[in-house]
Amino acid sequence: MEYESLTRALQLVEILAEGQFLTVAQMVERSRLHPRRVYRLLETFPRLGLTLERQSRGYRLRADAPFLKRVTSFLHFTPDEVLTLRQILTAVPNSSVQARLLREKLERSTSESLFIPPDVDEVTGRNIRTMFEAIEGEKHHKGGVASWGTGKECAAR
């Protein structure tokens, strides 16, 4: 019984860490926890280092929550480490499936973590991601070579 309770509490942490502001009703629906349990966990999480942000009636886990920073420092790479790994992996002529998947994972990690700061609101984050994807698409569309104008082209339009 305690195992199931812990599992659901951790599931709620995972749901809150996705970055979207969620109401208690949405958390209840996704976690299948009783509303009272959700409220208790929302009161308990900050004491455990799981700092919450509140907006209107919604909650989300802060990306800079002390507990998350401690745990993820062992599991994730810093942006500088990701760039270094990408450079090393690009220099190695390995075409295996594992190498390709790792390159793709590092590319996604670089795209999201370097250009979208953790304290940016959801709408701005989506806008930044959309612009970055458009730029990346344009670079790939031109044969992988970025050809940027001087800015005079925009002024002339």
C-alpha atoms as a PDB file:
ATOM      1  CA  MET A   1       0.000   0.000   0.000  1.00  0.00           C
ATOM      2  CA  GLU A   2       2.816   2.455   0.868  1.00  0.00           C
ATOM      3  CA  TYR A   3       4.576   1.484  -2.361  1.00  0.00           C
ATOM      4  CA  GLU A   4       1.516   2.509  -4.400  1.00  0.00           C
ATOM      5  CA  SER A   5       1.249   5.800  -2.498  1.00  0.00           C
ATOM      6  CA  LEU A   6       4.924   6.570  -3.117  1.00  0.00           C
ATOM      7  CA  THR A   7       4.567   5.652  -6.775  1.00  0.00           C
ATOM      8  CA  ARG A   8       1.642   8.031  -7.214  1.00  0.00           C
ATOM      9  CA  ALA A   9       3.428  10.817  -5.315  1.00  0.00           C
ATOM     10  CA  LEU A  10       6.447  10.426  -7.593  1.00  0.00           C
ATOM     11  CA  GLN A  11       4.114  10.383 -10.573  1.00  0.00           C
ATOM     12  CA  LEU A  12       2.702  13.722  -9.393  1.00  0.00           C
ATOM     13  CA  VAL A  13       6.256  15.119  -9.195  1.00  0.00           C
ATOM     14  CA  GLU A  14       6.834  13.944 -12.747  1.00  0.00           C
ATOM     15  CA  ILE A  15       3.561  15.519 -13.927  1.00  0.00           C
ATOM     16  CA  LEU A  16       4.410  18.825 -12.243  1.00  0.00           C
ATOM     17  CA  ALA A  17       7.943  18.760 -13.679  1.00  0.00           C
ATOM     18  CA  GLU A  18       6.575  18.799 -17.252  1.00  0.00           C
ATOM     19  CA  GLY A  19       6.395  22.576 -16.930  1.00  0.00           C
ATOM     20  CA  GLN A  20       2.716  23.243 -17.570  1.00  0.00           C
ATOM     21  CA  PHE A  21       0.581  24.928 -14.949  1.00  0.00           C
ATOM     22  CA  LEU A  22      -2.020  22.385 -13.819  1.00  0.00           C
ATOM     23  CA  THR A  23      -5.062  22.736 -11.609  1.00  0.00           C
ATOM     24  CA  VAL A  24      -5.649  20.306  -8.757  1.00  0.00           C
ATOM     25  CA  ALA A  25      -8.445  18.728 -10.802  1.00  0.00           C
ATOM     26  CA  GLN A  26      -6.018  18.079 -13.685  1.00  0.00           C
ATOM     27  CA  MET A  27      -3.467  16.600 -11.275  1.00  0.00           C
ATOM     28  CA  VAL A  28      -6.140  14.354  -9.764  1.00  0.00           C
ATOM     29  CA  GLU A  29      -7.191  13.164 -13.210  1.00  0.00           C
ATOM     30  CA  ARG A  30      -3.650  12.407 -14.376  1.00  0.00           C
ATOM     31  CA  SER A  31      -2.300  10.924 -11.138  1.00  0.00           C
ATOM     32  CA  ARG A  32      -5.483   9.182  -9.921  1.00  0.00           C
ATOM     33  CA  LEU A  33      -4.788  10.552  -6.446  1.00  0.00           C
ATOM     34  CA  HIS A  34      -7.559  11.777  -4.172  1.00  0.00           C
ATOM     35  CA  PRO A  35      -7.842  15.606  -4.177  1.00  0.00           C
ATOM     36  CA  ARG A  36      -6.989  15.745  -0.452  1.00  0.00           C
ATOM     37  CA  ARG A  37      -3.808  13.751  -1.132  1.00  0.00           C
ATOM     38  CA  VAL A  38      -2.848  16.143  -3.946  1.00  0.00           C
ATOM     39  CA  TYR A  39      -3.317  19.152  -1.646  1.00  0.00           C
ATOM     40  CA  ARG A  40      -1.238  17.462   1.090  1.00  0.00           C
ATOM     41  CA  LEU A  41       1.545  16.721  -1.382  1.00  0.00           C
ATOM     42  CA  LEU A  42       1.454  20.292  -2.693  1.00  0.00           C
ATOM     43  CA  GLU A  43       1.993  21.450   0.896  1.00  0.00           C
ATOM     44  CA  THR A  44       4.746  18.869   1.528  1.00  0.00           C
ATOM     45  CA  PHE A  45       6.778  19.190  -1.685  1.00  0.00           C
ATOM     46  CA  PRO A  46       8.331  22.614  -0.883  1.00  0.00           C
ATOM     47  CA  ARG A  47       9.629  21.300   2.474  1.00  0.00           C
ATOM     48  CA  LEU A  48      11.373  18.517   0.540  1.00  0.00           C
ATOM     49  CA  GLY A  49      13.063  20.949  -1.847  1.00  0.00           C
ATOM     50  CA  LEU A  50      10.451  20.578  -4.589  1.00  0.00           C
ATOM     51  CA  THR A  51       9.627  24.261  -4.981  1.00  0.00           C
ATOM     52  CA  LEU A  52       6.351  25.031  -6.724  1.00  0.00           C
ATOM     53  CA  GLU A  53       5.223  27.968  -8.833  1.00  0.00           C
ATOM     54  CA  ARG A  54       1.618  29.062  -8.650  1.00  0.00           C
ATOM     55  CA  GLN A  55      -0.272  30.942 -11.322  1.00  0.00           C
ATOM     56  CA  SER A  56      -3.987  31.569 -10.986  1.00  0.00           C
ATOM     57  CA  ARG A  57      -5.282  28.159  -9.866  1.00  0.00           C
ATOM     58  CA  GLY A  58      -2.439  26.174 -11.439  1.00  0.00           C
ATOM     59  CA  TYR A  59       0.802  24.756 -10.113  1.00  0.00           C
ATOM     60  CA  ARG A  60       4.030  23.533 -11.645  1.00  0.00           C
ATOM     61  CA  LEU A  61       7.382  22.448 -10.303  1.00  0.00           C
ATOM     62  CA  ARG A  62      10.087  25.095 -10.558  1.00  0.00           C
ATOM     63  CA  ALA A  63      12.946  24.024 -12.817  1.00  0.00           C
ATOM     64  CA  ASP A  64      15.398  25.383 -10.245  1.00  0.00           C
ATOM     65  CA  ALA A  65      13.890  23.431  -7.328  1.00  0.00           C
ATOM     66  CA  PRO A  66      16.783  22.463  -5.005  1.00  0.00           C
ATOM     67  CA  PHE A  67      15.839  18.776  -4.926  1.00  0.00           C
ATOM     68  CA  LEU A  68      15.621  18.557  -8.720  1.00  0.00           C
ATOM     69  CA  LYS A  69      18.951  20.327  -9.122  1.00  0.00           C
ATOM     70  CA  ARG A  70      20.610  17.856  -6.741  1.00  0.00           C
ATOM     71  CA  VAL A  71      19.112  14.783  -8.388  1.00  0.00           C
ATOM     72  CA  THR A  72      19.479  15.874 -12.002  1.00  0.00           C
ATOM     73  CA  SER A  73      23.075  16.969 -11.564  1.00  0.00           C
ATOM     74  CA  PHE A  74      23.894  13.250 -11.457  1.00  0.00           C
ATOM     75  CA  LEU A  75      21.598  12.329 -14.355  1.00  0.00           C
ATOM     76  CA  HIS A  76      21.882  15.166 -16.864  1.00  0.00           C
ATOM     77  CA  PHE A  77      24.631  17.039 -18.583  1.00  0.00           C
ATOM     78  CA  THR A  78      25.222  20.765 -18.388  1.00  0.00           C
ATOM     79  CA  PRO A  79      24.855  22.668 -21.685  1.00  0.00           C
ATOM     80  CA  ASP A  80      28.671  22.880 -21.958  1.00  0.00           C
ATOM     81  CA  GLU A  81      28.962  19.110 -21.447  1.00  0.00           C
ATOM     82  CA  VAL A  82      26.318  18.502 -24.123  1.00  0.00           C
ATOM     83  CA  LEU A  83      28.193  20.688 -26.620  1.00  0.00           C
ATOM     84  CA  THR A  84      31.473  18.914 -25.851  1.00  0.00           C
ATOM     85  CA  LEU A  85      29.867  15.487 -26.267  1.00  0.00           C
ATOM     86  CA  ARG A  86      28.292  16.579 -29.572  1.00  0.00           C
ATOM     87  CA  GLN A  87      31.654  17.776 -30.872  1.00  0.00           C
ATOM     88  CA  ILE A  88      33.386  14.551 -29.863  1.00  0.00           C
ATOM     89  CA  LEU A  89      30.626  12.363 -31.276  1.00  0.00           C
ATOM     90  CA  THR A  90      30.566  14.315 -34.552  1.00  0.00           C
ATOM     91  CA  ALA A  91      34.319  13.846 -34.946  1.00  0.00           C
ATOM     92  CA  VAL A  92      34.046  10.058 -34.538  1.00  0.00           C
ATOM     93  CA  PRO A  93      33.121   8.243 -37.771  1.00  0.00           C
ATOM     94  CA  ASN A  94      30.645   5.863 -36.152  1.00  0.00           C
ATOM     95  CA  SER A  95      27.441   5.176 -38.063  1.00  0.00           C
ATOM     96  CA  SER A  96      25.953   2.636 -35.661  1.00  0.00           C
ATOM     97  CA  VAL A  97      22.345   2.956 -34.541  1.00  0.00           C
ATOM     98  CA  GLN A  98      23.489   3.757 -30.993  1.00  0.00           C
ATOM     99  CA  ALA A  99      25.744   6.588 -32.197  1.00  0.00           C
ATOM    100  CA  ARG A 100      22.968   8.022 -34.381  1.00  0.00           C
ATOM    101  CA  LEU A 101      20.451   7.897 -31.528  1.00  0.00           C
ATOM    102  CA  LEU A 102      22.927   9.530 -29.156  1.00  0.00           C
ATOM    103  CA  ARG A 103      23.618  12.291 -31.701  1.00  0.00           C
ATOM    104  CA  GLU A 104      19.867  12.903 -32.037  1.00  0.00           C
ATOM    105  CA  LYS A 105      19.393  12.960 -28.269  1.00  0.00           C
ATOM    106  CA  LEU A 106      22.239  15.433 -27.827  1.00  0.00           C
ATOM    107  CA  GLU A 107      20.800  17.581 -30.634  1.00  0.00           C
ATOM    108  CA  ARG A 108      17.400  17.708 -28.908  1.00  0.00           C
ATOM    109  CA  SER A 109      19.058  18.446 -25.576  1.00  0.00           C
ATOM    110  CA  THR A 110      21.049  21.300 -27.073  1.00  0.00           C
ATOM    111  CA  SER A 111      18.053  22.715 -28.903  1.00  0.00           C
ATOM    112  CA  GLU A 112      15.835  22.855 -25.839  1.00  0.00           C
ATOM    113  CA  SER A 113      18.158  23.516 -22.923  1.00  0.00           C
ATOM    114  CA  LEU A 114      20.431  26.160 -24.426  1.00  0.00           C
ATOM    115  CA  PHE A 115      17.791  28.361 -25.978  1.00  0.00           C
ATOM    116  CA  ILE A 116      14.913  28.130 -23.507  1.00  0.00           C
ATOM    117  CA  PRO A 117      15.829  29.255 -19.987  1.00  0.00           C
ATOM    118  CA  PRO A 118      14.021  27.363 -17.204  1.00  0.00           C
ATOM    119  CA  ASP A 119      12.307  30.488 -15.875  1.00  0.00           C
ATOM    120  CA  VAL A 120      10.580  31.333 -19.182  1.00  0.00           C
ATOM    121  CA  ASP A 121       6.797  31.034 -19.252  1.00  0.00           C
ATOM    122  CA  GLU A 122       5.185  28.294 -21.355  1.00  0.00           C
ATOM    123  CA  VAL A 123       3.995  30.517 -24.239  1.00  0.00           C
ATOM    124  CA  THR A 124       7.357  32.238 -24.638  1.00  0.00           C
ATOM    125  CA  GLY A 125       9.075  28.840 -24.459  1.00  0.00           C
ATOM    126  CA  ARG A 126       6.879  27.509 -27.272  1.00  0.00           C
ATOM    127  CA  ASN A 127       7.583  30.623 -29.351  1.00  0.00           C
ATOM    128  CA  ILE A 128      11.342  30.297 -28.845  1.00  0.00           C
ATOM    129  CA  ARG A 129      11.186  26.579 -29.704  1.00  0.00           C
ATOM    130  CA  THR A 130       9.152  27.299 -32.868  1.00  0.00           C
ATOM    131  CA  MET A 131      11.626  29.972 -34.005  1.00  0.00           C
ATOM    132  CA  PHE A 132      14.590  27.697 -33.288  1.00  0.00           C
ATOM    133  CA  GLU A 133      12.977  24.812 -35.209  1.00  0.00           C
ATOM    134  CA  ALA A 134      12.288  27.146 -38.144  1.00  0.00           C
ATOM    135  CA  ILE A 135      15.918  28.272 -38.168  1.00  0.00           C
ATOM    136  CA  GLU A 136      17.142  24.674 -37.942  1.00  0.00           C
ATOM    137  CA  GLY A 137      14.755  23.685 -40.742  1.00  0.00           C
ATOM    138  CA  GLU A 138      16.053  26.503 -42.917  1.00  0.00           C
ATOM    139  CA  LYS A 139      19.664  25.444 -42.288  1.00  0.00           C
ATOM    140  CA  HIS A 140      18.848  21.835 -43.209  1.00  0.00           C
ATOM    141  CA  HIS A 141      16.824  23.005 -46.211  1.00  0.00           C
ATOM    142  CA  LYS A 142      19.895  24.790 -47.591  1.00  0.00           C
ATOM    143  CA  GLY A 143      21.931  21.589 -47.511  1.00  0.00           C
ATOM    144  CA  GLY A 144      23.073  21.841 -43.924  1.00  0.00           C
ATOM    145  CA  VAL A 145      24.952  25.071 -44.547  1.00  0.00           C
ATOM    146  CA  ALA A 146      23.715  28.209 -42.899  1.00  0.00           C
ATOM    147  CA  SER A 147      23.590  31.107 -45.317  1.00  0.00           C
ATOM    148  CA  TRP A 148      22.537  34.179 -43.448  1.00  0.00           C
ATOM    149  CA  GLY A 149      21.999  37.548 -45.054  1.00  0.00           C
ATOM    150  CA  THR A 150      23.483  40.801 -43.911  1.00  0.00           C
ATOM    151  CA  GLY A 151      20.170  42.163 -42.744  1.00  0.00           C
ATOM    152  CA  LYS A 152      19.935  44.521 -45.744  1.00  0.00           C
ATOM    153  CA  GLU A 153      17.574  42.040 -47.423  1.00  0.00           C
ATOM    154  CA  CYS A 154      15.056  42.486 -44.576  1.00  0.00           C
ATOM    155  CA  ALA A 155      15.397  46.259 -44.652  1.00  0.00           C
ATOM    156  CA  ALA A 156      14.782  46.285 -48.408  1.00  0.00           C
ATOM    157  CA  ARG A 157      11.492  44.393 -48.049  1.00  0.00           C
END
